[in-house]
C-alpha atoms as a PDB file:
ATOM      1  CA  MET A   1       1.062 -23.124  -1.053  1.00  0.00           C
ATOM      2  CA  THR A   2      -1.005 -22.595   2.202  1.00  0.00           C
ATOM      3  CA  GLY A   3      -3.273 -19.999   3.332  1.00  0.00           C
ATOM      4  CA  ILE A   4      -0.630 -18.490   5.818  1.00  0.00           C
ATOM      5  CA  LEU A   5       2.847 -17.462   4.086  1.00  0.00           C
ATOM      6  CA  ARG A   6       5.962 -17.237   6.513  1.00  0.00           C
ATOM      7  CA  THR A   7       8.755 -16.065   5.355  1.00  0.00           C
ATOM      8  CA  ALA A   8      12.842 -15.602   6.859  1.00  0.00           C
ATOM      9  CA  VAL A   9      14.593 -12.201   6.711  1.00  0.00           C
ATOM     10  CA  ALA A  10      18.236 -12.773   6.011  1.00  0.00           C
ATOM     11  CA  ALA A  11      20.651 -10.259   5.527  1.00  0.00           C
ATOM     12  CA  PHE A  12      20.076  -8.319   2.169  1.00  0.00           C
ATOM     13  CA  GLY A  13      17.197 -10.543   0.894  1.00  0.00           C
ATOM     14  CA  ILE A  14      13.905 -12.823   1.843  1.00  0.00           C
ATOM     15  CA  THR A  15      13.441 -16.806   1.774  1.00  0.00           C
ATOM     16  CA  VAL A  16       9.831 -17.596   1.195  1.00  0.00           C
ATOM     17  CA  ALA A  17       8.868 -20.758   2.607  1.00  0.00           C
ATOM     18  CA  GLY A  18       7.275 -22.215  -0.300  1.00  0.00           C
ATOM     19  CA  PHE A  19       8.119 -19.846  -2.512  1.00  0.00           C
ATOM     20  CA  ALA A  20      10.343 -21.392  -4.966  1.00  0.00           C
ATOM     21  CA  ALA A  21       8.640 -19.977  -8.735  1.00  0.00           C
ATOM     22  CA  GLY A  22       7.363 -16.586  -7.907  1.00  0.00           C
ATOM     23  CA  CYS A  23       5.769 -16.361 -11.015  1.00  0.00           C
ATOM     24  CA  SER A  24       2.995 -19.105  -9.473  1.00  0.00           C
ATOM     25  CA  SER A  25       2.502 -17.220  -5.889  1.00  0.00           C
ATOM     26  CA  PRO A  26      -0.694 -14.823  -5.106  1.00  0.00           C
ATOM     27  CA  PRO A  27      -0.024 -11.258  -5.868  1.00  0.00           C
ATOM     28  CA  GLU A  28      -0.023 -10.201  -2.225  1.00  0.00           C
ATOM     29  CA  GLU A  29       2.635 -13.002  -0.840  1.00  0.00           C
ATOM     30  CA  ALA A  30       4.879 -11.324  -3.927  1.00  0.00           C
ATOM     31  CA  LEU A  31       4.525  -7.868  -2.907  1.00  0.00           C
ATOM     32  CA  LEU A  32       4.879  -8.474   0.146  1.00  0.00           C
ATOM     33  CA  SER A  33       8.000 -10.572  -0.220  1.00  0.00           C
ATOM     34  CA  GLN A  34       9.081  -7.456  -2.194  1.00  0.00           C
ATOM     35  CA  PHE A  35       8.468  -4.651   0.033  1.00  0.00           C
ATOM     36  CA  PHE A  36      10.024  -6.794   2.312  1.00  0.00           C
ATOM     37  CA  ARG A  37      13.302  -7.438   0.704  1.00  0.00           C
ATOM     38  CA  ALA A  38      13.288  -3.683   0.099  1.00  0.00           C
ATOM     39  CA  ILE A  39      13.066  -2.335   3.539  1.00  0.00           C
ATOM     40  CA  ALA A  40      15.601  -5.413   4.995  1.00  0.00           C
ATOM     41  CA  ALA A  41      18.013  -3.941   2.045  1.00  0.00           C
ATOM     42  CA  GLU A  42      17.269  -0.560   3.348  1.00  0.00           C
ATOM     43  CA  ASP A  43      16.236   0.097  -0.765  1.00  0.00           C
ATOM     44  CA  ARG A  44      13.803   2.997  -0.208  1.00  0.00           C
ATOM     45  CA  VAL A  45      13.537   3.643  -3.399  1.00  0.00           C
ATOM     46  CA  SER A  46      12.432   0.330  -4.401  1.00  0.00           C
ATOM     47  CA  ALA A  47      10.054   0.018  -1.318  1.00  0.00           C
ATOM     48  CA  GLY A  48       8.724   3.350  -2.435  1.00  0.00           C
ATOM     49  CA  GLY A  49       7.957   1.689  -5.653  1.00  0.00           C
ATOM     50  CA  LEU A  50       5.694  -0.925  -3.995  1.00  0.00           C
ATOM     51  CA  SER A  51       3.935   1.161  -1.549  1.00  0.00           C
ATOM     52  CA  MET A  52       2.393   4.434  -0.218  1.00  0.00           C
ATOM     53  CA  ALA A  53       2.780   4.135   2.825  1.00  0.00           C
ATOM     54  CA  GLY A  54       6.511   3.905   4.862  1.00  0.00           C
ATOM     55  CA  PHE A  55       6.437   0.780   6.970  1.00  0.00           C
ATOM     56  CA  PRO A  56       5.639   1.864  11.119  1.00  0.00           C
ATOM     57  CA  GLY A  57       7.859  -0.688  12.866  1.00  0.00           C
ATOM     58  CA  GLY A  58      11.067  -2.029  13.556  1.00  0.00           C
ATOM     59  CA  PRO A  59      13.563  -3.745  12.411  1.00  0.00           C
ATOM     60  CA  VAL A  60      11.809  -7.516  10.395  1.00  0.00           C
ATOM     61  CA  GLU A  61      13.373 -10.664  11.300  1.00  0.00           C
ATOM     62  CA  SER A  62      10.565 -12.576   9.887  1.00  0.00           C
ATOM     63  CA  TRP A  63       6.586 -12.159   9.073  1.00  0.00           C
ATOM     64  CA  GLU A  64       3.760 -13.313   7.535  1.00  0.00           C
ATOM     65  CA  ILE A  65       0.310 -13.336   6.381  1.00  0.00           C
ATOM     66  CA  LEU A  66      -2.278 -14.200   8.956  1.00  0.00           C
ATOM     67  CA  GLU A  67      -5.606 -13.514   7.273  1.00  0.00           C
ATOM     68  CA  THR A  68      -6.340 -12.323   3.612  1.00  0.00           C
ATOM     69  CA  GLY A  69      -9.459 -10.452   2.980  1.00  0.00           C
ATOM     70  CA  MET A  70     -11.758 -10.912  -0.181  1.00  0.00           C
ATOM     71  CA  VAL A  71     -10.614  -8.558  -3.297  1.00  0.00           C
ATOM     72  CA  THR A  72     -13.569  -5.686  -3.600  1.00  0.00           C
ATOM     73  CA  GLU A  73     -13.813  -3.470  -6.356  1.00  0.00           C
ATOM     74  CA  GLY A  74     -15.142   0.311  -6.577  1.00  0.00           C
ATOM     75  CA  PRO A  75     -14.875   3.218  -9.112  1.00  0.00           C
ATOM     76  CA  TYR A  76     -11.771   4.864 -10.162  1.00  0.00           C
ATOM     77  CA  ARG A  77     -12.363   8.412  -8.854  1.00  0.00           C
ATOM     78  CA  VAL A  78     -10.446  10.187 -10.939  1.00  0.00           C
ATOM     79  CA  PRO A  79     -13.148  11.524 -13.468  1.00  0.00           C
ATOM     80  CA  GLU A  80     -15.591  12.071 -10.878  1.00  0.00           C
ATOM     81  CA  LEU A  81     -12.800  14.128  -8.738  1.00  0.00           C
ATOM     82  CA  ARG A  82     -11.804  16.728 -11.764  1.00  0.00           C
ATOM     83  CA  ARG A  83     -15.721  17.185 -11.910  1.00  0.00           C
ATOM     84  CA  GLU A  84     -15.524  17.744  -8.168  1.00  0.00           C
ATOM     85  CA  GLU A  85     -12.596  20.608  -8.527  1.00  0.00           C
ATOM     86  CA  THR A  86     -14.705  22.262 -11.327  1.00  0.00           C
ATOM     87  CA  ASP A  87     -17.918  22.858  -9.886  1.00  0.00           C
ATOM     88  CA  ALA A  88     -15.604  23.509  -6.892  1.00  0.00           C
ATOM     89  CA  GLU A  89     -13.623  26.188  -8.672  1.00  0.00           C
ATOM     90  CA  ALA A  90     -17.049  28.174  -9.831  1.00  0.00           C
ATOM     91  CA  ALA A  91     -18.479  28.082  -6.346  1.00  0.00           C
ATOM     92  CA  ARG A  92     -15.158  30.002  -4.909  1.00  0.00           C
ATOM     93  CA  ASP A  93     -15.296  32.249  -8.350  1.00  0.00           C
ATOM     94  CA  GLU A  94     -19.003  32.680  -7.683  1.00  0.00           C
ATOM     95  CA  GLN A  95     -18.355  33.828  -3.607  1.00  0.00           C
ATOM     96  CA  PHE A  96     -15.173  35.658  -4.497  1.00  0.00           C
ATOM     97  CA  LYS A  97     -17.607  37.857  -6.643  1.00  0.00           C
ATOM     98  CA  ILE A  98     -20.027  38.291  -4.068  1.00  0.00           C
ATOM     99  CA  PHE A  99     -17.509  39.029  -1.990  1.00  0.00           C
ATOM    100  CA  TYR A 100     -16.105  41.794  -4.033  1.00  0.00           C
ATOM    101  CA  ASP A 101     -19.144  43.455  -4.723  1.00  0.00           C
ATOM    102  CA  PHE A 102     -20.245  43.689  -1.272  1.00  0.00           C
ATOM    103  CA  ARG A 103     -17.122  44.962   0.042  1.00  0.00           C
ATOM    104  CA  GLN A 104     -17.077  47.702  -2.948  1.00  0.00           C
ATOM    105  CA  ALA A 105     -20.702  48.543  -1.892  1.00  0.00           C
ATOM    106  CA  ASN A 106     -19.757  48.957   1.937  1.00  0.00           C
ATOM    107  CA  GLN A 107     -16.539  50.394   1.997  1.00  0.00           C
ATOM    108  CA  GLU A 108     -17.280  53.424   4.425  1.00  0.00           C
ATOM    109  CA  ALA A 109     -18.846  50.845   7.259  1.00  0.00           C
ATOM    110  CA  LEU A 110     -16.348  48.256   6.608  1.00  0.00           C
ATOM    111  CA  ALA A 111     -13.465  50.424   7.769  1.00  0.00           C
ATOM    112  CA  MET A 112     -16.040  51.804  10.634  1.00  0.00           C
ATOM    113  CA  ILE A 113     -15.927  47.564  11.480  1.00  0.00           C
ATOM    114  CA  THR A 114     -12.287  47.293  11.240  1.00  0.00           C
ATOM    115  CA  ASP A 115     -11.725  50.149  13.487  1.00  0.00           C
ATOM    116  CA  ARG A 116     -13.895  49.107  16.218  1.00  0.00           C
ATOM    117  CA  ARG A 117     -12.233  45.969  15.924  1.00  0.00           C
ATOM    118  CA  ASP A 118      -8.638  47.011  16.155  1.00  0.00           C
ATOM    119  CA  GLY A 119      -7.466  44.707  18.761  1.00  0.00           C
ATOM    120  CA  ASN A 120     -10.510  43.077  19.888  1.00  0.00           C
ATOM    121  CA  PRO A 121     -12.121  40.998  17.180  1.00  0.00           C
ATOM    122  CA  GLU A 122     -14.998  39.824  19.216  1.00  0.00           C
ATOM    123  CA  VAL A 123     -16.116  43.491  20.570  1.00  0.00           C
ATOM    124  CA  ALA A 124     -19.900  43.917  20.409  1.00  0.00           C
ATOM    125  CA  ILE A 125     -21.255  46.177  17.229  1.00  0.00           C
ATOM    126  CA  GLY A 126     -25.160  47.210  16.958  1.00  0.00           C
ATOM    127  CA  GLY A 127     -27.458  48.800  14.573  1.00  0.00           C
ATOM    128  CA  ARG A 128     -26.942  48.570  10.769  1.00  0.00           C
ATOM    129  CA  LEU A 129     -23.522  48.518  11.126  1.00  0.00           C
ATOM    130  CA  GLY A 130     -24.097  45.475  13.119  1.00  0.00           C
ATOM    131  CA  GLU A 131     -25.921  44.272  10.680  1.00  0.00           C
ATOM    132  CA  THR A 132     -23.366  45.033   8.264  1.00  0.00           C
ATOM    133  CA  ALA A 133     -20.525  43.641  10.284  1.00  0.00           C
ATOM    134  CA  ASP A 134     -22.712  40.118  10.369  1.00  0.00           C
ATOM    135  CA  GLU A 135     -23.108  40.121   6.828  1.00  0.00           C
ATOM    136  CA  TRP A 136     -19.407  40.919   6.325  1.00  0.00           C
ATOM    137  CA  ASP A 137     -18.936  37.864   8.725  1.00  0.00           C
ATOM    138  CA  ALA A 138     -20.697  35.485   7.091  1.00  0.00           C
ATOM    139  CA  HIS A 139     -19.328  35.812   3.232  1.00  0.00           C
ATOM    140  CA  ALA A 140     -16.105  36.207   4.604  1.00  0.00           C
ATOM    141  CA  ALA A 141     -16.668  32.518   6.588  1.00  0.00           C
ATOM    142  CA  GLU A 142     -18.365  31.081   3.468  1.00  0.00           C
ATOM    143  CA  ARG A 143     -14.953  32.170   1.203  1.00  0.00           C
ATOM    144  CA  ARG A 144     -12.888  30.181   3.585  1.00  0.00           C
ATOM    145  CA  ARG A 145     -15.637  27.029   3.325  1.00  0.00           C
ATOM    146  CA  LEU A 146     -15.764  26.998  -0.382  1.00  0.00           C
ATOM    147  CA  VAL A 147     -11.540  27.988  -0.390  1.00  0.00           C
ATOM    148  CA  THR A 148     -10.980  25.182   1.862  1.00  0.00           C
ATOM    149  CA  SER A 149     -13.168  22.417  -0.198  1.00  0.00           C
ATOM    150  CA  LEU A 150     -11.349  23.437  -2.782  1.00  0.00           C
ATOM    151  CA  SER A 151      -8.391  22.161  -1.366  1.00  0.00           C
ATOM    152  CA  GLU A 152      -9.437  19.135   0.197  1.00  0.00           C
ATOM    153  CA  VAL A 153     -10.850  17.984  -3.593  1.00  0.00           C
ATOM    154  CA  GLN A 154      -7.249  18.613  -5.307  1.00  0.00           C
ATOM    155  CA  MET A 155      -5.923  17.279  -2.739  1.00  0.00           C
ATOM    156  CA  ALA A 156      -7.523  13.585  -3.496  1.00  0.00           C
ATOM    157  CA  LEU A 157      -7.061  14.264  -6.568  1.00  0.00           C
ATOM    158  CA  GLU A 158      -3.335  14.399  -6.760  1.00  0.00           C
ATOM    159  CA  GLU A 159      -3.849  11.407  -4.138  1.00  0.00           C
ATOM    160  CA  GLU A 160      -6.099   9.369  -6.367  1.00  0.00           C
ATOM    161  CA  ARG A 161      -3.416  10.352  -9.497  1.00  0.00           C
ATOM    162  CA  ARG A 162      -0.414   9.512  -7.885  1.00  0.00           C
ATOM    163  CA  ARG A 163      -1.708   5.660  -6.521  1.00  0.00           C
ATOM    164  CA  ALA A 164      -3.347   5.365 -10.252  1.00  0.00           C
ATOM    165  CA  GLN A 165       0.598   6.054 -11.708  1.00  0.00           C
ATOM    166  CA  ARG A 166       2.161   4.073  -9.070  1.00  0.00           C
ATOM    167  CA  SER A 167       0.154   1.192  -9.802  1.00  0.00           C
ATOM    168  CA  LEU A 168       0.686   1.152 -13.607  1.00  0.00           C
ATOM    169  CA  LEU A 169       2.824  -0.775 -15.525  1.00  0.00           C
ATOM    170  CA  ARG A 170       3.467   1.896 -18.024  1.00  0.00           C
ATOM    171  CA  GLU A 171       3.114   5.843 -18.190  1.00  0.00           C
ATOM    172  CA  ALA A 172      -0.932   6.940 -19.425  1.00  0.00           C
ATOM    173  CA  PRO A 173      -2.834   9.976 -18.956  1.00  0.00           C
ATOM    174  CA  VAL A 174      -4.982   9.128 -15.727  1.00  0.00           C
ATOM    175  CA  ASP A 175      -7.190  12.095 -16.210  1.00  0.00           C
ATOM    176  CA  TYR A 176      -8.671  10.075 -19.269  1.00  0.00           C
ATOM    177  CA  LEU A 177      -8.907   6.727 -18.045  1.00  0.00           C
ATOM    178  CA  THR A 178     -11.943   4.665 -16.773  1.00  0.00           C
ATOM    179  CA  GLY A 179     -12.343   1.399 -14.939  1.00  0.00           C
ATOM    180  CA  ASN A 180     -12.215   0.392 -11.124  1.00  0.00           C
ATOM    181  CA  ILE A 181     -10.099   0.355  -8.338  1.00  0.00           C
ATOM    182  CA  SER A 182     -10.066  -3.389  -6.895  1.00  0.00           C
ATOM    183  CA  GLU A 183      -8.626  -3.465  -3.094  1.00  0.00           C
ATOM    184  CA  GLN A 184      -7.580  -6.112  -0.573  1.00  0.00           C
ATOM    185  CA  GLU A 185      -6.661  -6.482   3.143  1.00  0.00           C
ATOM    186  CA  LEU A 186      -4.634  -9.036   4.575  1.00  0.00           C
ATOM    187  CA  LEU A 187      -3.628  -8.936   8.396  1.00  0.00           C
ATOM    188  CA  VAL A 188       0.031  -9.319   8.563  1.00  0.00           C
ATOM    189  CA  GLY A 189       2.059 -10.515  11.498  1.00  0.00           C
ATOM    190  CA  THR A 190       5.594  -9.598  11.670  1.00  0.00           C
ATOM    191  CA  LEU A 191       8.345 -10.417  14.564  1.00  0.00           C
ATOM    192  CA  GLU A 192      10.836  -7.050  15.152  1.00  0.00           C
ATOM    193  CA  GLU A 193      13.451  -7.416  17.614  1.00  0.00           C
ATOM    194  CA  GLY A 194      11.813 -10.764  19.215  1.00  0.00           C
ATOM    195  CA  ALA A 195       8.458  -9.331  19.539  1.00  0.00           C
ATOM    196  CA  ALA A 196       5.391  -9.900  17.584  1.00  0.00           C
ATOM    197  CA  ARG A 197       3.736  -7.140  16.045  1.00  0.00           C
ATOM    198  CA  GLU A 198       0.951  -6.831  13.488  1.00  0.00           C
ATOM    199  CA  TYR A 199      -0.222  -4.620  10.608  1.00  0.00           C
ATOM    200  CA  ARG A 200      -3.075  -4.367   8.430  1.00  0.00           C
ATOM    201  CA  PHE A 201      -1.785  -3.755   4.731  1.00  0.00           C
ATOM    202  CA  THR A 202      -4.469  -2.752   2.105  1.00  0.00           C
ATOM    203  CA  LEU A 203      -3.255  -3.568  -0.654  1.00  0.00           C
ATOM    204  CA  ILE A 204      -5.049  -1.809  -4.296  1.00  0.00           C
ATOM    205  CA  ARG A 205      -4.647  -2.872  -7.992  1.00  0.00           C
ATOM    206  CA  TYR A 206      -6.176   0.288 -10.802  1.00  0.00           C
ATOM    207  CA  ASP A 207      -7.811  -2.334 -13.172  1.00  0.00           C
ATOM    208  CA  LEU A 208      -8.589   0.940 -16.026  1.00  0.00           C
ATOM    209  CA  GLN A 209      -8.962   1.624 -19.627  1.00  0.00           C
ATOM    210  CA  ASN A 210      -7.805   3.889 -22.270  1.00  0.00           C
ATOM    211  CA  GLN A 211     -10.589   6.074 -24.309  1.00  0.00           C
ATOM    212  CA  GLN A 212     -10.158   3.044 -26.867  1.00  0.00           C
ATOM    213  CA  GLY A 213     -10.920   0.703 -24.477  1.00  0.00           C
ATOM    214  CA  ALA A 214      -7.933  -0.923 -24.393  1.00  0.00           C
ATOM    215  CA  ASP A 215      -6.741  -2.424 -20.420  1.00  0.00           C
ATOM    216  CA  ILE A 216      -3.929  -0.208 -19.529  1.00  0.00           C
ATOM    217  CA  PRO A 217      -1.593  -3.080 -17.609  1.00  0.00           C
ATOM    218  CA  ALA A 218      -1.455  -2.334 -13.605  1.00  0.00           C
ATOM    219  CA  ARG A 219       0.238  -4.067 -10.648  1.00  0.00           C
ATOM    220  CA  TRP A 220      -0.931  -4.341  -6.987  1.00  0.00           C
ATOM    221  CA  ILE A 221       0.696  -1.150  -4.754  1.00  0.00           C
ATOM    222  CA  ILE A 222       0.151  -1.040  -1.228  1.00  0.00           C
ATOM    223  CA  ALA A 223      -2.422   1.647  -0.272  1.00  0.00           C
ATOM    224  CA  ALA A 224      -1.865   1.760   3.794  1.00  0.00           C
ATOM    225  CA  ILE A 225      -0.342   0.161   6.589  1.00  0.00           C
ATOM    226  CA  GLU A 226      -1.559   0.544  10.241  1.00  0.00           C
ATOM    227  CA  PRO A 227      -0.481  -0.826  12.832  1.00  0.00           C
ATOM    228  CA  THR A 228      -3.217  -3.162  15.024  1.00  0.00           C
ATOM    229  CA  THR A 229      -1.350  -4.022  18.111  1.00  0.00           C
ATOM    230  CA  GLU A 230       1.814  -2.433  19.884  1.00  0.00           C
ATOM    231  CA  ASP A 231       2.796  -6.148  21.062  1.00  0.00           C
ATOM    232  CA  ALA A 232       0.772  -9.130  19.689  1.00  0.00           C
ATOM    233  CA  PRO A 233       1.342 -12.415  21.418  1.00  0.00           C
ATOM    234  CA  SER A 234       4.045 -14.938  20.199  1.00  0.00           C
ATOM    235  CA  ARG A 235       2.514 -17.589  17.151  1.00  0.00           C
END
C-alpha cells in the first residue's frame, strides 16, 4: 500500500486501489472509503455516523490522500469542562445575587435612571445618580459576560460529549470516563465535475477508560473538513 491512496467513485460504491482486504488498510483509508461511499450513495445517515462535518464540495468522481499527518494526543476534556461549568454556574449565581441586591437597594434611583434614558439609552447622567447608573451598567455588563461564559462552556461540553459518543463503539457514561483524544490531519484531493480540489480532514478518536480502568472500544471519526483551495491544479 503506497502513501498515496487513489480511489474511484462508481455509481453507489467505491473501488479503492490496493484495497482488496479492508481489514488490513490503515484506518484513515478505511474511514474515508466508507465516508465517500456514503456520500456517493447519498446516504446521509451513514455519512453522519462517520463525520461530525458535512462534505462542503460537490459530487466526487475520485479522491486521494495527498498527505498524512502525524497522530497527536491531547487530554479528554469532558471532566475539565464539567468543572468549568460548575465554576461558571457558581460565578453567575453569585453575580445574580449581587445584581438583585443592588437593584433592591437602589429602586428609586434606578426608576429615575430608566425614566431619563427612555428613548435615549446613551443620555448623559451626572452627579450621584450618574454614579449609580454607571454602577448599574457595570453590574449588568458583568452579568451578561458571566451568562455568555457559561453558555460557551456548556456548548463546548455538549460538543465534546457528542464527539465522544460518536467515536465510542459502545454506549458508556461519557461524563465519567478518562483518557486521551488522538488526532490526525489528512490532505485529501478530489476530482469534482472535472475540477481538482483539496480539503483538510481532521480525524479524531477517543481513547478512553471507565472507572475500573477498562478500555472502551473506539473508532476514528471525521471531526472537520475544511477546503484549502477553490480549484487545485490537476495532478
